[in-house]
Structures are given as structure tokens and as C-alpha cells.
Amino acid sequence: AQFPVGYDKNGEIVTGFYAARTHSIIPVEDCLLGVPENQ
């Protein structure tokens, strides 16, 4: 799994995946396709 790292609108660090056809990060803590250790 490759998680981009960025900030949300409140300036908090977020990790997740890009929304379709964008580089806006959707915060994801536990993707159900990946292993639990990712979280």
C-alpha cells in the first residue's frame, strides 16, 4: 500500500488515498483491501 501524506483543512496531518481523478487526499485509516497492520 502507498499512502500519500498531506494536511486537512484544519491543518492536521492526514494519510489515505487520492479521490478519483484528483490529488485530494481522502483520509483512510484502514483500507479493507490491505492488511490490518497498515493502520
PDB file of all heavy atoms in Angstrom:
ATOM      1  N   ALA A   1       0.853  -1.187   0.000  1.00  0.00           N
ATOM      2  CA  ALA A   1       0.000   0.000   0.000  1.00  0.00           C
ATOM      3  C   ALA A   1       0.890   1.238   0.000  1.00  0.00           C
ATOM      4  O   ALA A   1       1.940   1.256   0.638  1.00  0.00           O
ATOM      5  CB  ALA A   1      -0.925   0.012   1.221  1.00  0.00           C
ATOM      6  N   GLN A   2       0.458   2.248  -0.750  1.00  0.00           N
ATOM      7  CA  GLN A   2       1.193   3.514  -0.824  1.00  0.00           C
ATOM      8  C   GLN A   2       0.229   4.647  -0.458  1.00  0.00           C
ATOM      9  O   GLN A   2      -0.687   4.947  -1.212  1.00  0.00           O
ATOM     10  CB  GLN A   2       1.749   3.721  -2.236  1.00  0.00           C
ATOM     11  CG  GLN A   2       2.739   2.642  -2.626  1.00  0.00           C
ATOM     12  CD  GLN A   2       3.185   2.754  -4.076  1.00  0.00           C
ATOM     13  OE1 GLN A   2       4.376   2.727  -4.367  1.00  0.00           O
ATOM     14  NE2 GLN A   2       2.251   2.863  -4.999  1.00  0.00           N
ATOM     15  N   PHE A   3       0.451   5.237   0.713  1.00  0.00           N
ATOM     16  CA  PHE A   3      -0.453   6.257   1.229  1.00  0.00           C
ATOM     17  C   PHE A   3       0.156   7.646   1.066  1.00  0.00           C
ATOM     18  O   PHE A   3       1.213   7.919   1.657  1.00  0.00           O
ATOM     19  CB  PHE A   3      -0.740   6.015   2.714  1.00  0.00           C
ATOM     20  CG  PHE A   3      -1.459   4.736   3.009  1.00  0.00           C
ATOM     21  CD1 PHE A   3      -0.760   3.564   3.287  1.00  0.00           C
ATOM     22  CD2 PHE A   3      -2.851   4.694   3.019  1.00  0.00           C
ATOM     23  CE1 PHE A   3      -1.423   2.379   3.570  1.00  0.00           C
ATOM     24  CE2 PHE A   3      -3.525   3.509   3.302  1.00  0.00           C
ATOM     25  CZ  PHE A   3      -2.817   2.351   3.574  1.00  0.00           C
ATOM     26  N   PRO A   4      -0.473   8.546   0.305  1.00  0.00           N
ATOM     27  CA  PRO A   4       0.008   9.924   0.261  1.00  0.00           C
ATOM     28  C   PRO A   4      -0.216  10.598   1.602  1.00  0.00           C
ATOM     29  O   PRO A   4      -1.142  10.257   2.348  1.00  0.00           O
ATOM     30  CB  PRO A   4      -0.849  10.564  -0.831  1.00  0.00           C
ATOM     31  CG  PRO A   4      -2.076   9.721  -0.915  1.00  0.00           C
ATOM     32  CD  PRO A   4      -1.653   8.337  -0.552  1.00  0.00           C
ATOM     33  N   VAL A   5       0.638  11.563   1.909  1.00  0.00           N
ATOM     34  CA  VAL A   5       0.575  12.285   3.183  1.00  0.00           C
ATOM     35  C   VAL A   5       0.334  13.766   2.901  1.00  0.00           C
ATOM     36  O   VAL A   5       0.946  14.343   2.002  1.00  0.00           O
ATOM     37  CB  VAL A   5       1.887  12.111   3.983  1.00  0.00           C
ATOM     38  CG1 VAL A   5       1.771  12.759   5.351  1.00  0.00           C
ATOM     39  CG2 VAL A   5       2.241  10.637   4.119  1.00  0.00           C
ATOM     40  N   GLY A   6      -0.566  14.372   3.657  1.00  0.00           N
ATOM     41  CA  GLY A   6      -0.848  15.793   3.465  1.00  0.00           C
ATOM     42  C   GLY A   6      -1.532  16.379   4.692  1.00  0.00           C
ATOM     43  O   GLY A   6      -1.420  15.843   5.803  1.00  0.00           O
ATOM     44  N   TYR A   7      -2.246  17.474   4.488  1.00  0.00           N
ATOM     45  CA  TYR A   7      -2.953  18.147   5.579  1.00  0.00           C
ATOM     46  C   TYR A   7      -4.434  18.290   5.222  1.00  0.00           C
ATOM     47  O   TYR A   7      -4.785  18.455   4.050  1.00  0.00           O
ATOM     48  CB  TYR A   7      -2.372  19.542   5.821  1.00  0.00           C
ATOM     49  CG  TYR A   7      -0.952  19.542   6.326  1.00  0.00           C
ATOM     50  CD1 TYR A   7       0.105  19.809   5.459  1.00  0.00           C
ATOM     51  CD2 TYR A   7      -0.666  19.281   7.659  1.00  0.00           C
ATOM     52  CE1 TYR A   7       1.413  19.819   5.914  1.00  0.00           C
ATOM     53  CE2 TYR A   7       0.641  19.296   8.128  1.00  0.00           C
ATOM     54  CZ  TYR A   7       1.673  19.552   7.249  1.00  0.00           C
ATOM     55  OH  TYR A   7       2.969  19.565   7.701  1.00  0.00           O
ATOM     56  N   ASP A   8      -5.282  18.232   6.245  1.00  0.00           N
ATOM     57  CA  ASP A   8      -6.695  18.525   6.013  1.00  0.00           C
ATOM     58  C   ASP A   8      -6.926  20.028   6.163  1.00  0.00           C
ATOM     59  O   ASP A   8      -5.979  20.808   6.390  1.00  0.00           O
ATOM     60  CB  ASP A   8      -7.593  17.710   6.947  1.00  0.00           C
ATOM     61  CG  ASP A   8      -7.415  18.044   8.417  1.00  0.00           C
ATOM     62  OD1 ASP A   8      -6.806  19.096   8.740  1.00  0.00           O
ATOM     63  OD2 ASP A   8      -7.868  17.254   9.269  1.00  0.00           O
ATOM     64  N   LYS A   9      -8.178  20.468   6.057  1.00  0.00           N
ATOM     65  CA  LYS A   9      -8.483  21.907   6.089  1.00  0.00           C
ATOM     66  C   LYS A   9      -8.194  22.544   7.447  1.00  0.00           C
ATOM     67  O   LYS A   9      -8.070  23.769   7.557  1.00  0.00           O
ATOM     68  CB  LYS A   9      -9.943  22.133   5.711  1.00  0.00           C
ATOM     69  CG  LYS A   9     -10.942  21.459   6.634  1.00  0.00           C
ATOM     70  CD  LYS A   9     -12.365  21.658   6.122  1.00  0.00           C
ATOM     71  CE  LYS A   9     -13.376  20.962   7.033  1.00  0.00           C
ATOM     72  NZ  LYS A   9     -14.767  21.127   6.524  1.00  0.00           N
ATOM     73  N   ASN A  10      -8.054  21.685   8.464  1.00  0.00           N
ATOM     74  CA  ASN A  10      -7.737  22.186   9.802  1.00  0.00           C
ATOM     75  C   ASN A  10      -6.243  22.156  10.107  1.00  0.00           C
ATOM     76  O   ASN A  10      -5.822  22.441  11.226  1.00  0.00           O
ATOM     77  CB  ASN A  10      -8.490  21.382  10.863  1.00  0.00           C
ATOM     78  CG  ASN A  10      -9.994  21.503  10.708  1.00  0.00           C
ATOM     79  OD1 ASN A  10     -10.513  22.586  10.458  1.00  0.00           O
ATOM     80  ND2 ASN A  10     -10.692  20.377  10.857  1.00  0.00           N
ATOM     81  N   GLY A  11      -5.449  21.773   9.103  1.00  0.00           N
ATOM     82  CA  GLY A  11      -4.010  21.724   9.290  1.00  0.00           C
ATOM     83  C   GLY A  11      -3.507  20.466   9.971  1.00  0.00           C
ATOM     84  O   GLY A  11      -2.342  20.384  10.357  1.00  0.00           O
ATOM     85  N   GLU A  12      -4.386  19.448  10.106  1.00  0.00           N
ATOM     86  CA  GLU A  12      -3.975  18.180  10.706  1.00  0.00           C
ATOM     87  C   GLU A  12      -3.396  17.259   9.645  1.00  0.00           C
ATOM     88  O   GLU A  12      -3.868  17.228   8.498  1.00  0.00           O
ATOM     89  CB  GLU A  12      -5.169  17.500  11.375  1.00  0.00           C
ATOM     90  CG  GLU A  12      -5.734  18.252  12.570  1.00  0.00           C
ATOM     91  CD  GLU A  12      -4.757  18.293  13.736  1.00  0.00           C
ATOM     92  OE1 GLU A  12      -4.054  17.287  13.964  1.00  0.00           O
ATOM     93  OE2 GLU A  12      -4.687  19.346  14.397  1.00  0.00           O
ATOM     94  N   ILE A  13      -2.401  16.469  10.018  1.00  0.00           N
ATOM     95  CA  ILE A  13      -1.792  15.521   9.085  1.00  0.00           C
ATOM     96  C   ILE A  13      -2.783  14.414   8.752  1.00  0.00           C
ATOM     97  O   ILE A  13      -3.416  13.838   9.644  1.00  0.00           O
ATOM     98  CB  ILE A  13      -0.504  14.913   9.682  1.00  0.00           C
ATOM     99  CG1 ILE A  13       0.561  16.007   9.838  1.00  0.00           C
ATOM    100  CG2 ILE A  13       0.030  13.787   8.806  1.00  0.00           C
ATOM    101  CD1 ILE A  13       1.786  15.563  10.606  1.00  0.00           C
ATOM    102  N   VAL A  14      -2.928  14.139   7.461  1.00  0.00           N
ATOM    103  CA  VAL A  14      -3.813  13.065   7.018  1.00  0.00           C
ATOM    104  C   VAL A  14      -3.057  12.128   6.081  1.00  0.00           C
ATOM    105  O   VAL A  14      -2.137  12.538   5.362  1.00  0.00           O
ATOM    106  CB  VAL A  14      -5.076  13.587   6.309  1.00  0.00           C
ATOM    107  CG1 VAL A  14      -5.975  14.329   7.268  1.00  0.00           C
ATOM    108  CG2 VAL A  14      -4.730  14.450   5.108  1.00  0.00           C
ATOM    109  N   THR A  15      -3.466  10.865   6.105  1.00  0.00           N
ATOM    110  CA  THR A  15      -2.974   9.866   5.153  1.00  0.00           C
ATOM    111  C   THR A  15      -4.194   9.181   4.562  1.00  0.00           C
ATOM    112  O   THR A  15      -5.251   9.116   5.183  1.00  0.00           O
ATOM    113  CB  THR A  15      -2.083   8.827   5.839  1.00  0.00           C
ATOM    114  OG1 THR A  15      -2.821   8.219   6.915  1.00  0.00           O
ATOM    115  CG2 THR A  15      -0.815   9.445   6.381  1.00  0.00           C
ATOM    116  N   GLY A  16      -4.058   8.667   3.377  1.00  0.00           N
ATOM    117  CA  GLY A  16      -5.196   7.990   2.755  1.00  0.00           C
ATOM    118  C   GLY A  16      -4.937   7.683   1.309  1.00  0.00           C
ATOM    119  O   GLY A  16      -3.844   7.260   0.942  1.00  0.00           O
ATOM    120  N   PHE A  17      -5.930   7.944   0.473  1.00  0.00           N
ATOM    121  CA  PHE A  17      -5.807   7.723  -0.966  1.00  0.00           C
ATOM    122  C   PHE A  17      -6.369   8.925  -1.700  1.00  0.00           C
ATOM    123  O   PHE A  17      -7.223   9.651  -1.173  1.00  0.00           O
ATOM    124  CB  PHE A  17      -6.550   6.451  -1.395  1.00  0.00           C
ATOM    125  CG  PHE A  17      -6.011   5.197  -0.775  1.00  0.00           C
ATOM    126  CD1 PHE A  17      -6.782   4.454   0.110  1.00  0.00           C
ATOM    127  CD2 PHE A  17      -4.735   4.750  -1.065  1.00  0.00           C
ATOM    128  CE1 PHE A  17      -6.288   3.296   0.689  1.00  0.00           C
ATOM    129  CE2 PHE A  17      -4.225   3.601  -0.481  1.00  0.00           C
ATOM    130  CZ  PHE A  17      -4.997   2.873   0.394  1.00  0.00           C
ATOM    131  N   TYR A  18      -5.907   9.112  -2.920  1.00  0.00           N
ATOM    132  CA  TYR A  18      -6.425  10.210  -3.711  1.00  0.00           C
ATOM    133  C   TYR A  18      -7.847   9.903  -4.184  1.00  0.00           C
ATOM    134  O   TYR A  18      -8.147   8.786  -4.601  1.00  0.00           O
ATOM    135  CB  TYR A  18      -5.550  10.450  -4.940  1.00  0.00           C
ATOM    136  CG  TYR A  18      -4.175  10.982  -4.615  1.00  0.00           C
ATOM    137  CD1 TYR A  18      -3.030  10.366  -5.116  1.00  0.00           C
ATOM    138  CD2 TYR A  18      -4.007  12.115  -3.813  1.00  0.00           C
ATOM    139  CE1 TYR A  18      -1.765  10.851  -4.838  1.00  0.00           C
ATOM    140  CE2 TYR A  18      -2.745  12.603  -3.524  1.00  0.00           C
ATOM    141  CZ  TYR A  18      -1.630  11.962  -4.036  1.00  0.00           C
ATOM    142  OH  TYR A  18      -0.371  12.450  -3.745  1.00  0.00           O
ATOM    143  N   ALA A  19      -8.706  10.911  -4.121  1.00  0.00           N
ATOM    144  CA  ALA A  19     -10.038  10.783  -4.705  1.00  0.00           C
ATOM    145  C   ALA A  19      -9.878  10.580  -6.212  1.00  0.00           C
ATOM    146  O   ALA A  19      -8.885  11.008  -6.811  1.00  0.00           O
ATOM    147  CB  ALA A  19     -10.855  12.033  -4.421  1.00  0.00           C
ATOM    148  N   ALA A  20     -10.848   9.910  -6.819  1.00  0.00           N
ATOM    149  CA  ALA A  20     -10.765   9.577  -8.240  1.00  0.00           C
ATOM    150  C   ALA A  20     -10.458  10.817  -9.080  1.00  0.00           C
ATOM    151  O   ALA A  20     -11.099  11.857  -8.933  1.00  0.00           O
ATOM    152  CB  ALA A  20     -12.068   8.931  -8.696  1.00  0.00           C
ATOM    153  N   ARG A  21      -9.429  10.704  -9.928  1.00  0.00           N
ATOM    154  CA  ARG A  21      -9.035  11.735 -10.897  1.00  0.00           C
ATOM    155  C   ARG A  21      -8.621  13.061 -10.239  1.00  0.00           C
ATOM    156  O   ARG A  21      -8.740  14.127 -10.834  1.00  0.00           O
ATOM    157  CB  ARG A  21     -10.151  11.993 -11.918  1.00  0.00           C
ATOM    158  CG  ARG A  21     -10.513  10.774 -12.746  1.00  0.00           C
ATOM    159  CD  ARG A  21     -11.636  11.086 -13.742  1.00  0.00           C
ATOM    160  NE  ARG A  21     -12.000   9.901 -14.486  1.00  0.00           N
ATOM    161  CZ  ARG A  21     -12.888   8.992 -14.091  1.00  0.00           C
ATOM    162  NH1 ARG A  21     -13.494   9.151 -12.921  1.00  0.00           N
ATOM    163  NH2 ARG A  21     -13.169   7.938 -14.818  1.00  0.00           N
ATOM    164  N   THR A  22      -8.175  13.005  -8.993  1.00  0.00           N
ATOM    165  CA  THR A  22      -7.713  14.213  -8.308  1.00  0.00           C
ATOM    166  C   THR A  22      -6.471  13.883  -7.480  1.00  0.00           C
ATOM    167  O   THR A  22      -6.064  12.720  -7.389  1.00  0.00           O
ATOM    168  CB  THR A  22      -8.781  14.772  -7.337  1.00  0.00           C
ATOM    169  OG1 THR A  22      -8.808  13.966  -6.140  1.00  0.00           O
ATOM    170  CG2 THR A  22     -10.149  14.799  -7.964  1.00  0.00           C
ATOM    171  N   HIS A  23      -5.904  14.911  -6.860  1.00  0.00           N
ATOM    172  CA  HIS A  23      -4.848  14.711  -5.871  1.00  0.00           C
ATOM    173  C   HIS A  23      -5.307  15.203  -4.510  1.00  0.00           C
ATOM    174  O   HIS A  23      -4.498  15.601  -3.663  1.00  0.00           O
ATOM    175  CB  HIS A  23      -3.554  15.394  -6.325  1.00  0.00           C
ATOM    176  CG  HIS A  23      -2.686  14.480  -7.132  1.00  0.00           C
ATOM    177  ND1 HIS A  23      -1.320  14.516  -7.096  1.00  0.00           N
ATOM    178  CD2 HIS A  23      -2.987  13.479  -7.989  1.00  0.00           C
ATOM    179  CE1 HIS A  23      -0.815  13.594  -7.898  1.00  0.00           C
ATOM    180  NE2 HIS A  23      -1.815  12.962  -8.461  1.00  0.00           N
ATOM    181  N   SER A  24      -6.633  15.174  -4.303  1.00  0.00           N
ATOM    182  CA  SER A  24      -7.194  15.459  -2.987  1.00  0.00           C
ATOM    183  C   SER A  24      -7.197  14.171  -2.171  1.00  0.00           C
ATOM    184  O   SER A  24      -7.714  13.144  -2.633  1.00  0.00           O
ATOM    185  CB  SER A  24      -8.630  15.986  -3.126  1.00  0.00           C
ATOM    186  OG  SER A  24      -8.650  17.187  -3.862  1.00  0.00           O
ATOM    187  N   ILE A  25      -6.610  14.226  -0.975  1.00  0.00           N
ATOM    188  CA  ILE A  25      -6.479  13.018  -0.166  1.00  0.00           C
ATOM    189  C   ILE A  25      -7.769  12.736   0.594  1.00  0.00           C
ATOM    190  O   ILE A  25      -8.268  13.576   1.328  1.00  0.00           O
ATOM    191  CB  ILE A  25      -5.303  13.132   0.826  1.00  0.00           C
ATOM    192  CG1 ILE A  25      -3.986  13.310   0.068  1.00  0.00           C
ATOM    193  CG2 ILE A  25      -5.239  11.909   1.727  1.00  0.00           C
ATOM    194  CD1 ILE A  25      -2.783  13.556   0.968  1.00  0.00           C
ATOM    195  N   ILE A  26      -8.316  11.531   0.374  1.00  0.00           N
ATOM    196  CA  ILE A  26      -9.433  11.041   1.178  1.00  0.00           C
ATOM    197  C   ILE A  26      -8.829  10.344   2.389  1.00  0.00           C
ATOM    198  O   ILE A  26      -8.112   9.346   2.234  1.00  0.00           O
ATOM    199  CB  ILE A  26     -10.296  10.041   0.383  1.00  0.00           C
ATOM    200  CG1 ILE A  26     -10.828  10.677  -0.896  1.00  0.00           C
ATOM    201  CG2 ILE A  26     -11.424   9.504   1.252  1.00  0.00           C
ATOM    202  CD1 ILE A  26     -11.759  11.827  -0.686  1.00  0.00           C
ATOM    203  N   PRO A  27      -9.055  10.841   3.603  1.00  0.00           N
ATOM    204  CA  PRO A  27      -8.450  10.198   4.780  1.00  0.00           C
ATOM    205  C   PRO A  27      -8.921   8.747   4.918  1.00  0.00           C
ATOM    206  O   PRO A  27     -10.118   8.474   4.949  1.00  0.00           O
ATOM    207  CB  PRO A  27      -8.943  11.057   5.948  1.00  0.00           C
ATOM    208  CG  PRO A  27      -9.295  12.370   5.340  1.00  0.00           C
ATOM    209  CD  PRO A  27      -9.817  12.053   3.967  1.00  0.00           C
ATOM    210  N   VAL A  28      -7.973   7.829   4.952  1.00  0.00           N
ATOM    211  CA  VAL A  28      -8.264   6.405   5.118  1.00  0.00           C
ATOM    212  C   VAL A  28      -7.321   5.852   6.177  1.00  0.00           C
ATOM    213  O   VAL A  28      -6.100   5.936   6.023  1.00  0.00           O
ATOM    214  CB  VAL A  28      -8.088   5.621   3.797  1.00  0.00           C
ATOM    215  CG1 VAL A  28      -8.321   4.127   4.036  1.00  0.00           C
ATOM    216  CG2 VAL A  28      -9.026   6.137   2.719  1.00  0.00           C
ATOM    217  N   GLU A  29      -7.885   5.324   7.228  1.00  0.00           N
ATOM    218  CA  GLU A  29      -7.066   4.724   8.279  1.00  0.00           C
ATOM    219  C   GLU A  29      -6.890   3.222   8.055  1.00  0.00           C
ATOM    220  O   GLU A  29      -5.854   2.658   8.381  1.00  0.00           O
ATOM    221  CB  GLU A  29      -7.707   4.965   9.652  1.00  0.00           C
ATOM    222  CG  GLU A  29      -7.773   6.428  10.050  1.00  0.00           C
ATOM    223  CD  GLU A  29      -6.403   7.053  10.218  1.00  0.00           C
ATOM    224  OE1 GLU A  29      -5.482   6.357  10.685  1.00  0.00           O
ATOM    225  OE2 GLU A  29      -6.238   8.226   9.857  1.00  0.00           O
ATOM    226  N   ASP A  30      -7.932   2.605   7.496  1.00  0.00           N
ATOM    227  CA  ASP A  30      -7.892   1.153   7.350  1.00  0.00           C
ATOM    228  C   ASP A  30      -8.589   0.748   6.052  1.00  0.00           C
ATOM    229  O   ASP A  30      -9.798   0.554   6.021  1.00  0.00           O
ATOM    230  CB  ASP A  30      -8.568   0.468   8.544  1.00  0.00           C
ATOM    231  CG  ASP A  30      -8.491  -1.062   8.461  1.00  0.00           C
ATOM    232  OD1 ASP A  30      -7.567  -1.563   7.792  1.00  0.00           O
ATOM    233  OD2 ASP A  30      -9.354  -1.728   9.043  1.00  0.00           O
ATOM    234  N   CYS A  31      -7.829   0.643   4.973  1.00  0.00           N
ATOM    235  CA  CYS A  31      -8.380   0.171   3.701  1.00  0.00           C
ATOM    236  C   CYS A  31      -8.674  -1.319   3.817  1.00  0.00           C
ATOM    237  O   CYS A  31      -7.810  -2.107   4.239  1.00  0.00           O
ATOM    238  CB  CYS A  31      -7.386   0.420   2.573  1.00  0.00           C
ATOM    239  SG  CYS A  31      -7.869  -0.328   1.000  1.00  0.00           S
ATOM    240  N   LEU A  32      -9.873  -1.730   3.439  1.00  0.00           N
ATOM    241  CA  LEU A  32     -10.296  -3.124   3.601  1.00  0.00           C
ATOM    242  C   LEU A  32      -9.646  -4.067   2.590  1.00  0.00           C
ATOM    243  O   LEU A  32      -9.789  -5.277   2.706  1.00  0.00           O
ATOM    244  CB  LEU A  32     -11.820  -3.224   3.502  1.00  0.00           C
ATOM    245  CG  LEU A  32     -12.598  -2.466   4.579  1.00  0.00           C
ATOM    246  CD1 LEU A  32     -14.094  -2.653   4.386  1.00  0.00           C
ATOM    247  CD2 LEU A  32     -12.182  -2.923   5.971  1.00  0.00           C
ATOM    248  N   LEU A  33      -8.941  -3.511   1.616  1.00  0.00           N
ATOM    249  CA  LEU A  33      -8.192  -4.367   0.697  1.00  0.00           C
ATOM    250  C   LEU A  33      -6.792  -4.660   1.231  1.00  0.00           C
ATOM    251  O   LEU A  33      -6.145  -5.612   0.800  1.00  0.00           O
ATOM    252  CB  LEU A  33      -8.077  -3.720  -0.691  1.00  0.00           C
ATOM    253  CG  LEU A  33      -9.374  -3.361  -1.403  1.00  0.00           C
ATOM    254  CD1 LEU A  33      -9.086  -2.957  -2.845  1.00  0.00           C
ATOM    255  CD2 LEU A  33     -10.373  -4.505  -1.370  1.00  0.00           C
ATOM    256  N   GLY A  34      -6.326  -3.839   2.155  1.00  0.00           N
ATOM    257  CA  GLY A  34      -4.990  -4.012   2.714  1.00  0.00           C
ATOM    258  C   GLY A  34      -5.007  -4.780   4.018  1.00  0.00           C
ATOM    259  O   GLY A  34      -6.065  -5.154   4.538  1.00  0.00           O
ATOM    260  N   VAL A  35      -3.822  -4.999   4.565  1.00  0.00           N
ATOM    261  CA  VAL A  35      -3.705  -5.775   5.802  1.00  0.00           C
ATOM    262  C   VAL A  35      -3.944  -4.862   7.009  1.00  0.00           C
ATOM    263  O   VAL A  35      -3.712  -3.645   6.943  1.00  0.00           O
ATOM    264  CB  VAL A  35      -2.309  -6.433   5.904  1.00  0.00           C
ATOM    265  CG1 VAL A  35      -2.140  -7.474   4.800  1.00  0.00           C
ATOM    266  CG2 VAL A  35      -1.191  -5.400   5.826  1.00  0.00           C
ATOM    267  N   PRO A  36      -4.417  -5.407   8.129  1.00  0.00           N
ATOM    268  CA  PRO A  36      -4.688  -4.584   9.321  1.00  0.00           C
ATOM    269  C   PRO A  36      -3.454  -3.843   9.838  1.00  0.00           C
ATOM    270  O   PRO A  36      -3.583  -2.788  10.461  1.00  0.00           O
ATOM    271  CB  PRO A  36      -5.186  -5.613  10.345  1.00  0.00           C
ATOM    272  CG  PRO A  36      -5.707  -6.758   9.534  1.00  0.00           C
ATOM    273  CD  PRO A  36      -4.826  -6.812   8.323  1.00  0.00           C
ATOM    274  N   GLU A  37      -2.270  -4.398   9.589  1.00  0.00           N
ATOM    275  CA  GLU A  37      -1.037  -3.753  10.066  1.00  0.00           C
ATOM    276  C   GLU A  37      -0.853  -2.354   9.491  1.00  0.00           C
ATOM    277  O   GLU A  37      -0.167  -1.508  10.088  1.00  0.00           O
ATOM    278  CB  GLU A  37       0.177  -4.627   9.712  1.00  0.00           C
ATOM    279  CG  GLU A  37       0.342  -5.870  10.560  1.00  0.00           C
ATOM    280  CD  GLU A  37      -0.577  -7.020  10.161  1.00  0.00           C
ATOM    281  OE1 GLU A  37      -1.369  -6.859   9.192  1.00  0.00           O
ATOM    282  OE2 GLU A  37      -0.509  -8.075  10.799  1.00  0.00           O
ATOM    283  N   ASN A  38      -1.456  -2.091   8.323  1.00  0.00           N
ATOM    284  CA  ASN A  38      -1.325  -0.755   7.721  1.00  0.00           C
ATOM    285  C   ASN A  38      -1.794   0.338   8.671  1.00  0.00           C
ATOM    286  O   ASN A  38      -1.185   1.405   8.759  1.00  0.00           O
ATOM    287  CB  ASN A  38      -2.128  -0.684   6.422  1.00  0.00           C
ATOM    288  CG  ASN A  38      -1.531  -1.525   5.309  1.00  0.00           C
ATOM    289  OD1 ASN A  38      -0.399  -1.978   5.405  1.00  0.00           O
ATOM    290  ND2 ASN A  38      -2.286  -1.734   4.252  1.00  0.00           N
ATOM    291  N   GLN A  39      -2.888   0.068   9.359  1.00  0.00           N
ATOM    292  CA  GLN A  39      -3.460   1.066  10.258  1.00  0.00           C
ATOM    293  C   GLN A  39      -2.493   1.398  11.400  1.00  0.00           C
ATOM    294  O   GLN A  39      -2.330   2.561  11.773  1.00  0.00           O
ATOM    295  CB  GLN A  39      -4.789   0.558  10.824  1.00  0.00           C
ATOM    296  CG  GLN A  39      -5.562   1.592  11.621  1.00  0.00           C
ATOM    297  CD  GLN A  39      -6.944   1.091  12.016  1.00  0.00           C
ATOM    298  OE1 GLN A  39      -7.274  -0.079  11.827  1.00  0.00           O
ATOM    299  NE2 GLN A  39      -7.751   1.979  12.566  1.00  0.00           N
TER     300      GLN A  39
END
